Protein backbone atom coordinates (compact mmCIF):
# COMPACT_ATOMS: atom_id res chain seq x y z
CA MET A 1 -16.71 -209.77 156.50
CA ARG A 2 -15.48 -208.86 153.26
CA ARG A 3 -17.48 -205.75 153.06
CA ALA A 4 -16.06 -204.54 156.30
CA ALA A 5 -12.58 -205.29 155.14
CA ALA A 6 -13.22 -203.49 151.94
CA LEU A 7 -14.73 -200.40 154.05
CA GLY A 8 -11.58 -200.47 156.22
CA ALA A 9 -9.18 -200.46 153.31
CA ALA A 10 -11.13 -197.76 151.73
CA PHE A 11 -10.84 -195.68 154.86
CA VAL A 12 -7.23 -196.13 155.22
CA LEU A 13 -6.67 -195.07 151.51
CA LEU A 14 -8.75 -192.09 151.65
CA PRO A 15 -6.58 -188.90 151.43
CA GLY A 16 -7.69 -187.58 154.87
CA ALA A 17 -4.09 -188.00 156.22
CA ALA A 18 -3.35 -184.59 154.54
CA LEU A 19 -5.10 -183.06 157.40
CA ALA A 20 -1.49 -183.06 159.09
CA HIS A 21 -0.52 -180.57 156.42
CA ALA A 22 -1.38 -177.05 155.20
CA ALA A 23 -5.05 -176.15 154.66
CA GLU A 24 -4.69 -175.59 150.91
CA ARG A 25 -3.34 -179.35 150.46
CA MET A 26 -6.71 -180.52 152.01
CA VAL A 27 -8.88 -178.71 149.47
CA ILE A 28 -6.63 -179.61 146.54
CA LEU A 29 -7.27 -183.30 147.49
CA THR A 30 -11.00 -182.67 146.96
CA LEU A 31 -10.24 -181.57 143.27
CA PRO A 32 -10.34 -183.94 140.40
CA THR A 33 -6.49 -183.57 140.23
CA GLY A 34 -6.13 -186.90 138.31
CA TRP A 35 -7.92 -185.30 135.46
CA TYR A 36 -5.88 -182.33 135.36
CA ILE A 37 -2.83 -184.19 135.15
CA LEU A 38 -4.34 -186.34 132.41
CA GLY A 39 -5.31 -183.32 130.61
CA ALA A 40 -2.03 -181.56 130.94
CA ALA A 41 -0.16 -184.72 129.78
CA VAL A 42 -2.49 -184.96 126.54
CA ALA A 43 -2.13 -181.24 125.84
CA VAL A 44 1.69 -181.52 125.82
CA ALA A 45 1.80 -184.63 123.72
CA LEU A 46 -0.81 -183.08 121.32
CA THR A 47 1.34 -180.06 121.15
CA ALA A 48 4.22 -182.19 119.82
CA ALA A 49 2.21 -184.04 117.38
CA LEU A 50 0.49 -181.33 115.80
CA ALA A 51 3.90 -179.52 115.41
CA LEU A 52 5.41 -182.76 113.67
CA VAL A 53 2.23 -183.01 111.49
CA SER A 54 2.18 -179.47 110.40
CA GLY A 55 5.88 -178.87 110.42
CA ARG A 56 5.21 -175.45 111.71
CA LEU A 57 6.77 -173.84 114.71
CA PRO A 58 6.68 -170.40 116.19
CA ALA A 59 9.36 -168.03 114.79
CA PHE A 60 10.17 -166.62 118.14
CA THR A 61 10.76 -163.25 117.03
CA ALA A 62 11.40 -160.41 119.23
CA ARG A 63 11.44 -156.60 118.79
CA GLN A 64 13.23 -153.72 120.66
CA LEU A 65 10.67 -151.56 122.80
CA TRP A 66 12.83 -148.76 123.80
CA GLN A 67 16.48 -147.76 124.85
CA ARG A 68 17.83 -145.35 127.30
CA ARG A 69 20.93 -144.72 129.20
CA VAL A 70 21.82 -146.52 132.27
CA ILE A 71 20.69 -144.79 135.49
CA VAL A 72 22.78 -146.46 138.04
CA PRO A 73 26.04 -148.08 136.68
CA ARG A 74 26.37 -151.69 137.55
CA PRO A 75 29.42 -151.47 139.67
CA VAL A 76 27.52 -148.86 141.95
CA ALA A 77 24.47 -150.85 141.98
CA SER A 78 26.44 -153.95 142.94
CA TRP A 79 28.17 -151.88 145.89
CA ILE A 80 24.84 -150.81 147.16
CA ALA A 81 23.74 -154.66 147.00
CA ALA A 82 26.93 -155.76 148.84
CA LEU A 83 26.27 -153.32 151.63
CA VAL A 84 22.59 -154.35 152.07
CA TRP A 85 23.71 -157.88 152.09
CA GLY A 86 26.09 -157.00 154.79
CA ALA A 87 23.40 -155.33 156.71
CA LEU A 88 21.16 -158.39 156.29
CA VAL A 89 24.18 -160.53 157.81
CA VAL A 90 24.29 -158.18 160.88
CA THR A 91 20.55 -158.40 161.14
CA GLY A 92 20.73 -162.20 161.21
CA LEU A 93 23.42 -162.15 163.77
CA LEU A 94 21.92 -159.68 166.19
CA GLY A 95 18.26 -159.64 165.31
CA SER A 96 15.46 -162.03 166.38
CA ARG A 97 16.07 -165.66 166.12
CA ASP A 98 12.51 -166.22 164.78
CA PRO A 99 12.99 -166.89 160.96
CA MET A 100 9.56 -165.44 160.20
CA ALA A 101 10.50 -162.12 162.13
CA ASN A 102 14.14 -161.61 160.91
CA PRO A 103 14.55 -159.98 157.54
CA LEU A 104 17.59 -162.28 156.60
CA PRO A 105 15.79 -165.57 156.03
CA LEU A 106 12.81 -164.04 154.64
CA LEU A 107 14.77 -162.00 152.10
CA VAL A 108 16.98 -165.08 151.09
CA TRP A 109 14.27 -167.84 150.93
CA THR A 110 11.07 -165.57 149.92
CA VAL A 111 12.39 -162.48 148.11
CA MET A 112 15.43 -163.65 146.32
CA TRP A 113 14.70 -167.47 146.02
CA VAL A 114 11.04 -167.14 145.21
CA ALA A 115 9.99 -163.66 144.16
CA LEU A 116 13.21 -162.69 142.00
CA THR A 117 12.96 -166.12 140.30
CA LEU A 118 9.47 -165.31 139.43
CA ALA A 119 10.39 -161.79 138.40
CA CYS A 120 13.38 -162.84 136.19
CA VAL A 121 10.79 -165.48 134.36
CA ILE A 122 8.84 -162.36 133.44
CA PHE A 123 11.29 -159.39 133.27
CA GLY A 124 14.44 -160.97 132.37
CA ASP A 125 17.87 -161.28 134.24
CA LEU A 126 17.25 -158.68 137.17
CA TRP A 127 20.14 -160.33 139.16
CA ARG A 128 22.87 -158.96 137.01
CA GLY A 129 22.04 -155.55 138.24
CA ILE A 130 21.96 -156.16 141.72
CA ASP A 131 24.71 -159.07 142.25
CA PRO A 132 26.77 -158.01 145.28
CA TRP A 133 30.11 -159.08 143.85
CA THR A 134 30.95 -157.14 140.62
CA GLY A 135 31.56 -153.72 142.20
CA PRO A 136 33.56 -154.92 145.05
CA VAL A 137 35.58 -157.22 142.80
CA ARG A 138 36.43 -154.58 140.19
CA SER A 139 37.60 -152.20 142.90
CA ALA A 140 39.83 -154.83 144.73
CA ARG A 141 41.39 -155.89 141.20
CA ARG A 142 42.15 -152.28 140.71
CA LEU A 143 43.53 -151.64 144.05
CA LEU A 144 45.53 -154.84 143.66
CA GLY A 145 46.63 -154.03 140.39
CA ARG A 146 45.47 -157.48 138.97
CA SER A 147 44.60 -158.05 135.11
CA GLY A 148 44.76 -161.53 134.80
CA GLY A 149 43.37 -165.00 136.20
CA ILE A 150 44.46 -168.05 137.67
CA GLY A 151 42.77 -170.64 135.43
CA LEU A 152 39.52 -171.02 136.77
CA ALA A 153 37.89 -170.27 133.53
CA ARG A 154 39.13 -173.85 132.18
CA LEU A 155 36.68 -175.33 134.76
CA GLY A 156 33.66 -173.97 132.98
CA TYR A 157 30.40 -174.05 134.88
CA LEU A 158 31.98 -176.70 137.43
CA PRO A 159 32.40 -174.17 140.39
CA ALA A 160 28.72 -173.02 139.86
CA VAL A 161 27.71 -176.69 139.95
CA LEU A 162 29.48 -177.14 143.18
CA PHE A 163 28.08 -174.15 144.80
CA TYR A 164 24.36 -174.83 143.64
CA LEU A 165 24.75 -178.37 144.95
CA ALA A 166 25.86 -177.01 148.18
CA PHE A 167 23.01 -174.61 148.28
CA ALA A 168 20.46 -177.22 147.37
CA TRP A 169 21.64 -179.32 150.10
CA PHE A 170 21.53 -176.44 152.68
CA GLU A 171 18.02 -175.69 151.75
CA ILE A 172 16.61 -179.16 151.46
CA VAL A 173 18.40 -181.40 153.51
CA SER A 174 20.39 -179.32 156.23
CA LEU A 175 18.93 -178.90 159.70
CA HIS A 176 18.75 -175.27 160.09
CA PRO A 177 18.42 -173.51 156.80
CA ALA A 178 16.10 -170.72 158.05
CA ASP A 179 18.02 -170.11 161.45
CA PRO A 180 18.95 -166.42 161.00
CA ALA A 181 22.55 -166.94 162.87
CA VAL A 182 23.20 -169.87 160.79
CA LEU A 183 22.09 -168.40 157.68
CA ALA A 184 23.99 -165.26 158.40
CA ARG A 185 27.21 -167.22 158.41
CA VAL A 186 26.46 -169.09 155.48
CA VAL A 187 25.79 -166.02 153.48
CA ALA A 188 28.75 -164.36 154.78
CA GLY A 189 31.01 -167.31 153.97
CA TYR A 190 29.83 -167.89 150.58
CA TRP A 191 30.04 -164.13 149.57
CA LEU A 192 33.82 -164.19 150.74
CA VAL A 193 34.60 -167.27 148.86
CA VAL A 194 33.16 -166.11 145.72
CA PHE A 195 34.82 -162.67 146.25
CA VAL A 196 38.20 -164.12 146.59
CA LEU A 197 38.10 -166.28 143.64
CA ALA A 198 36.57 -163.62 141.51
CA VAL A 199 39.21 -161.35 142.61
CA ALA A 200 41.72 -163.93 141.56
CA GLU A 201 39.93 -164.78 138.26
CA GLY A 202 38.19 -161.78 137.17
CA GLU A 203 34.70 -160.41 137.49
CA ASP A 204 33.76 -161.95 134.11
CA TRP A 205 34.31 -165.43 135.92
CA LEU A 206 31.06 -164.76 137.82
CA GLU A 207 29.11 -165.34 134.69
CA ARG A 208 30.13 -169.08 134.82
CA GLY A 209 31.50 -169.68 138.20
CA GLU A 210 28.96 -168.24 140.75
CA ALA A 211 25.81 -170.30 141.09
CA PHE A 212 23.03 -167.73 141.39
CA THR A 213 24.49 -165.50 138.66
CA VAL A 214 24.43 -168.63 136.41
CA TYR A 215 20.93 -169.67 137.82
CA PHE A 216 19.31 -166.47 137.24
CA GLY A 217 21.08 -165.84 134.03
CA PHE A 218 19.50 -169.28 132.77
CA ILE A 219 16.01 -169.09 133.77
CA SER A 220 15.69 -165.51 132.56
CA LYS A 221 16.08 -166.86 129.00
CA ILE A 222 12.45 -167.86 128.89
CA ALA A 223 11.06 -164.41 129.70
CA PRO A 224 8.85 -162.41 127.44
CA LEU A 225 10.71 -159.15 128.41
CA TRP A 226 14.24 -158.57 129.02
CA HIS A 227 16.96 -155.88 128.67
CA GLU A 228 20.47 -155.95 127.32
CA THR A 229 23.15 -153.39 128.24
CA ASP A 230 25.84 -151.97 125.83
CA GLY A 231 28.15 -149.73 127.82
CA SER A 232 26.12 -146.92 128.87
CA THR A 233 22.88 -147.81 126.96
CA VAL A 234 20.18 -150.28 127.93
CA ARG A 235 17.85 -151.77 125.59
CA ARG A 236 14.41 -153.45 126.50
CA PHE A 237 13.03 -156.24 124.40
CA ALA A 238 9.79 -158.23 124.05
CA GLY A 239 9.28 -161.40 122.24
CA LEU A 240 7.60 -164.78 122.77
CA PRO A 241 8.77 -166.69 125.79
CA GLY A 242 11.88 -168.56 124.80
CA ALA A 243 13.04 -166.31 122.06
CA GLN A 244 16.38 -165.66 123.95
CA VAL A 245 17.04 -169.45 124.29
CA LEU A 246 17.11 -169.86 120.75
CA ARG A 247 20.03 -167.17 120.27
CA MET A 248 22.15 -169.12 123.24
CA ALA A 249 25.14 -171.16 122.55
CA PRO A 250 24.88 -174.97 123.00
CA LEU A 251 25.52 -175.73 126.61
CA PRO A 252 28.79 -177.46 127.50
CA ALA A 253 28.95 -180.71 129.58
CA THR A 254 29.24 -178.48 132.80
CA ALA A 255 26.45 -176.38 131.92
CA ILE A 256 24.32 -179.47 131.06
CA ALA A 257 25.23 -180.81 134.67
CA PHE A 258 23.89 -177.39 136.17
CA VAL A 259 20.57 -177.48 134.36
CA THR A 260 20.14 -181.02 135.39
CA LEU A 261 20.85 -180.29 138.89
CA VAL A 262 18.34 -177.37 139.07
CA LEU A 263 15.73 -179.64 137.76
CA ALA A 264 16.65 -182.38 140.39
CA GLY A 265 16.90 -179.81 143.11
CA VAL A 266 13.46 -178.38 142.77
CA THR A 267 12.14 -181.78 142.17
CA PHE A 268 13.45 -183.43 145.06
CA ASP A 269 12.42 -180.49 147.37
CA GLY A 270 8.85 -181.53 146.62
CA LEU A 271 9.43 -185.06 146.56
CA SER A 272 11.29 -185.17 149.99
CA GLU A 273 8.12 -183.83 151.68
CA SER A 274 5.77 -186.33 150.12
CA PHE A 275 3.85 -189.08 151.68
CA TRP A 276 5.34 -191.34 148.94
CA TRP A 277 8.91 -190.52 149.85
CA LEU A 278 8.54 -190.46 153.49
CA ALA A 279 6.83 -193.98 153.29
CA ARG A 280 9.88 -195.37 150.94
CA ILE A 281 12.34 -194.28 153.65
CA GLY A 282 10.38 -195.66 156.49
CA ILE A 283 9.16 -192.61 158.04
CA ASN A 284 5.60 -192.07 159.44
CA PRO A 285 4.43 -188.72 157.72
CA LEU A 286 1.97 -188.03 160.46
CA GLU A 287 4.84 -188.26 163.01
CA PHE A 288 7.75 -186.67 161.13
CA PRO A 289 10.79 -187.03 163.40
CA GLY A 290 12.61 -183.88 162.03
CA ARG A 291 15.35 -183.49 159.45
CA SER A 292 18.18 -184.99 161.75
CA ALA A 293 16.49 -188.38 161.16
CA VAL A 294 16.63 -188.19 157.49
CA THR A 295 19.65 -186.04 156.73
CA GLY A 296 21.77 -189.09 155.47
CA VAL A 297 19.01 -190.37 153.31
CA ASN A 298 17.99 -187.30 151.76
CA THR A 299 21.47 -186.40 151.02
CA ALA A 300 21.66 -189.71 149.02
CA GLY A 301 18.14 -189.07 147.40
CA LEU A 302 19.23 -185.61 146.25
CA LEU A 303 22.32 -187.11 144.71
CA ALA A 304 20.78 -190.05 143.13
CA LEU A 305 17.82 -188.00 141.70
CA TRP A 306 20.30 -185.74 140.00
CA ALA A 307 22.29 -188.52 138.48
CA LEU A 308 18.66 -190.27 137.47
CA THR A 309 17.60 -186.84 135.92
CA GLY A 310 20.84 -186.35 133.87
CA ALA A 311 20.85 -190.01 132.77
CA THR A 312 17.19 -190.00 131.82
CA ILE A 313 17.64 -186.86 129.67
CA LEU A 314 20.56 -187.83 128.00
CA ALA A 315 19.41 -191.51 127.30
CA ALA A 316 16.37 -189.82 125.61
CA LEU A 317 18.45 -187.81 123.41
CA ALA A 318 20.55 -190.72 122.43
CA LEU A 319 17.63 -192.96 121.69
CA GLY A 320 16.14 -189.96 119.52
CA LEU A 321 19.28 -190.25 117.30
CA ARG A 322 19.17 -194.00 117.12
CA LEU A 323 15.45 -193.74 115.94
CA ALA A 324 16.59 -190.97 113.29
CA GLY A 325 19.45 -193.20 112.03
CA ALA A 326 22.03 -190.66 113.02
CA PRO A 327 25.38 -191.64 114.15
CA LEU A 328 25.80 -191.23 117.83
CA ALA A 329 28.96 -189.13 117.01
CA ARG A 330 26.27 -186.17 116.68
CA PHE A 331 25.28 -186.80 120.20
CA GLY A 332 27.18 -183.74 121.56
CA ALA A 333 25.87 -181.57 118.77
CA LEU A 334 22.29 -182.32 119.80
CA ALA A 335 22.75 -182.59 123.70
CA GLY A 336 23.98 -179.13 124.03
CA PRO A 337 21.21 -177.16 122.15
CA VAL A 338 18.27 -179.52 123.34
CA MET A 339 19.19 -179.36 127.02
CA LEU A 340 18.39 -175.46 126.63
CA SER A 341 14.77 -176.71 126.16
CA PHE A 342 14.51 -177.89 129.76
CA LEU A 343 15.12 -174.34 131.30
CA PRO A 344 11.27 -173.76 131.09
CA ILE A 345 10.57 -177.01 132.99
CA ALA A 346 12.99 -175.98 135.74
CA ALA A 347 11.68 -172.35 135.90
CA GLY A 348 8.12 -173.50 135.70
CA TYR A 349 7.94 -176.03 138.40
CA HIS A 350 10.20 -173.63 140.55
CA VAL A 351 7.53 -170.79 140.26
CA ALA A 352 4.40 -173.32 140.82
CA HIS A 353 6.23 -175.07 143.78
CA TYR A 354 6.89 -171.86 145.63
CA PHE A 355 3.92 -170.15 144.63
CA ILE A 356 2.08 -170.49 148.12
CA ALA A 357 5.32 -169.75 149.83
CA LEU A 358 5.32 -166.59 148.06
CA LEU A 359 1.64 -165.75 148.98
CA THR A 360 2.22 -166.53 152.72
CA GLN A 361 5.69 -165.80 153.54
CA GLY A 362 5.57 -162.55 151.38
CA GLN A 363 3.51 -161.26 154.22
CA TYR A 364 5.99 -161.81 156.84
CA VAL A 365 8.64 -160.18 154.73
CA LEU A 366 6.60 -156.90 155.00
CA ALA A 367 6.23 -157.53 158.68
CA ALA A 368 9.94 -158.06 159.05
CA LEU A 369 11.09 -154.87 157.30
CA ASN A 370 8.35 -153.17 159.56
CA ASP A 371 10.47 -154.19 162.67
CA PRO A 372 13.81 -155.73 161.30
CA LEU A 373 15.37 -155.79 164.79
CA HIS A 374 12.23 -156.79 166.88
CA ARG A 375 12.36 -153.48 168.81
CA ASP A 376 8.81 -152.72 168.48
CA TRP A 377 9.39 -150.70 165.58
CA ALA A 378 6.70 -149.80 162.78
CA LEU A 379 8.89 -148.36 159.95
CA LEU A 380 6.22 -149.27 157.25
CA GLY A 381 3.29 -148.09 159.45
CA LEU A 382 1.94 -151.72 159.79
CA PRO A 383 0.12 -152.83 162.83
CA GLU A 384 1.63 -155.64 165.12
CA HIS A 385 -0.93 -158.50 164.03
CA TRP A 386 -2.18 -158.41 160.27
CA VAL A 387 -0.59 -161.49 158.54
CA SER A 388 -3.50 -163.86 157.47
CA PHE A 389 -3.62 -167.30 155.75
CA GLY A 390 -7.34 -167.52 155.73
CA PHE A 391 -7.37 -167.64 151.94
CA LEU A 392 -5.65 -171.00 152.35
CA SER A 393 -8.90 -172.44 154.13
CA ASP A 394 -11.16 -171.10 151.30
CA ALA A 395 -12.17 -173.39 148.51
CA HIS A 396 -12.55 -170.64 146.05
CA SER A 397 -9.01 -169.16 146.75
CA VAL A 398 -7.40 -172.54 146.64
CA HIS A 399 -9.01 -173.40 143.43
CA ALA A 400 -7.60 -170.10 141.78
CA ILE A 401 -4.05 -171.05 143.40
CA TRP A 402 -4.25 -174.50 141.92
CA ALA A 403 -5.30 -173.15 138.48
CA VAL A 404 -2.18 -170.66 138.47
CA GLN A 405 -0.20 -173.62 139.19
CA PHE A 406 -1.45 -175.94 136.71
CA ALA A 407 -1.36 -173.03 134.01
CA VAL A 408 2.22 -172.36 134.73
CA ILE A 409 3.13 -176.15 134.60
CA LEU A 410 1.20 -176.64 131.46
CA GLY A 411 2.67 -173.73 129.86
CA ALA A 412 6.28 -174.47 130.74
CA HIS A 413 6.09 -177.95 129.23
CA VAL A 414 4.35 -176.88 126.09
CA LEU A 415 7.16 -174.32 125.57
CA ALA A 416 9.74 -176.91 126.42
CA VAL A 417 8.42 -179.22 123.66
CA VAL A 418 8.36 -176.58 121.18
CA LEU A 419 11.81 -175.43 121.92
CA SER A 420 13.13 -178.91 121.85
CA MET A 421 12.15 -179.37 118.18
CA ARG A 422 13.36 -175.90 117.25
CA LEU A 423 16.61 -176.40 118.84
CA SER A 424 17.17 -180.01 117.54
CA ALA A 425 16.28 -178.76 114.03
CA THR A 426 19.12 -176.23 114.07
CA GLN A 427 21.93 -178.96 114.66
CA VAL A 428 20.58 -182.42 113.52
CA ARG A 429 17.88 -183.01 111.01
CA LEU A 430 15.66 -185.65 112.63
CA SER A 431 12.76 -187.39 111.52
CA GLY A 432 9.31 -187.40 113.33
CA GLY A 433 9.84 -190.32 115.30
CA ALA A 434 13.30 -189.24 116.73
CA HIS A 435 11.30 -186.64 118.83
CA VAL A 436 9.37 -189.17 120.64
CA PRO A 437 11.89 -189.92 123.45
CA VAL A 438 12.26 -186.26 124.53
CA THR A 439 8.63 -185.74 124.20
CA VAL A 440 7.62 -188.61 126.23
CA LEU A 441 9.97 -187.31 128.72
CA MET A 442 8.48 -183.92 128.95
CA VAL A 443 5.21 -185.61 128.89
CA LEU A 444 6.33 -187.41 132.07
CA TYR A 445 7.61 -184.17 133.56
CA THR A 446 4.42 -182.73 133.24
CA VAL A 447 2.70 -185.50 135.05
CA LEU A 448 5.40 -185.40 137.88
CA GLY A 449 5.15 -181.76 138.50
CA LEU A 450 1.34 -181.59 138.91
CA TRP A 451 1.55 -184.75 140.96
CA LEU A 452 4.10 -183.16 143.21
CA LEU A 453 2.05 -180.16 143.62
CA SER A 454 -1.07 -182.28 144.70
CA THR A 455 0.20 -184.99 146.51
CA PRO A 456 -0.30 -185.14 150.37
CA THR A 457 2.97 -184.00 152.18
CA GLY A 458 3.85 -184.70 155.61
CA ALA A 459 7.29 -183.09 156.39
């Protein structure tokens, strides 16, 4: 009887329930992911220990590769981007209601949110050259004769925080984030609100007030390649990932809120689909009832995780000061710089989390551009049926995908640990033990990130 009960319990606990989700997760569940997670945690911890013992950290130097004149002025590129977004809104309203056939949801959720993030992590802030507001705002202010602002600058990054929170809610919680018509109205409405505020305050306000300008500007700071524009000259630089982070000013409170929100948003995006979360809220992961059944609890979960993320990071910093015997009055001097070291974690998990989406939905992007209005066109010369997900059922391909995700998570957290030590040293001289709370927190983030990528999901 006991043997039968044990066998029954073992059967229930087997990860076969993941058959309800994508094929790649079934293959990942056959891997020794626990050992991967343990190895990554040990590697991050050892990096911190070796850095403390040796007292040596990378110099994070950078060098200029080349310089040239700007080919397309930023206002002109911005006007082109605004017209493109306008055309996409029209396509969303008039084109196919299939989110995998209409270009608007594919370009928002796959090209901008996934591919552009990856590109910015490698090549620097590409969004600055294609944002759809700078050109129209500059033209409108000249036409209206405006030269001042209305005081929005006093709010710091708070508008960007509120905009990003609304965006995260729309992506993770709302009922129809991929519906082309719904998305078209949201995109048009958001563009108009930001345009009006920027015309009233000035185009420089976008650097702190517009969510995507702030987001791409922050995550691009860990790129090994980047460019800087000075008037009509653009210079390309190369350096260790994170070299730009060390040149940033300490983050004010509203920017800290933004960084913690980015961390919480991408974390909850993965957590909300996991069997663990669905079980916590009383949902059978094999019979997911739809977003309408979990809208309220997921809204609360997103906000709670944001609060928990911020409180945990700040508590770790405060505990580090206490262990160092430094007065808590130095907390502000430490929190602003060290919070920058969490940028690699946010960017790294974002890239790893959406990597499979890039490989799959990226194919639909090409298919949608081939026939944007669903009129049996072939603008790119592609056949009607060519999208394939067969690689998600191939063990070798999935192993390679997991290896990439693992390397991204591990590299991001190793970089975060090293940056936290460099940044804290520039403001507050701390003893070795004072780094332990933040290091432990980053080790836990490593474990959490890999667990979210490997745990069964059902939503």
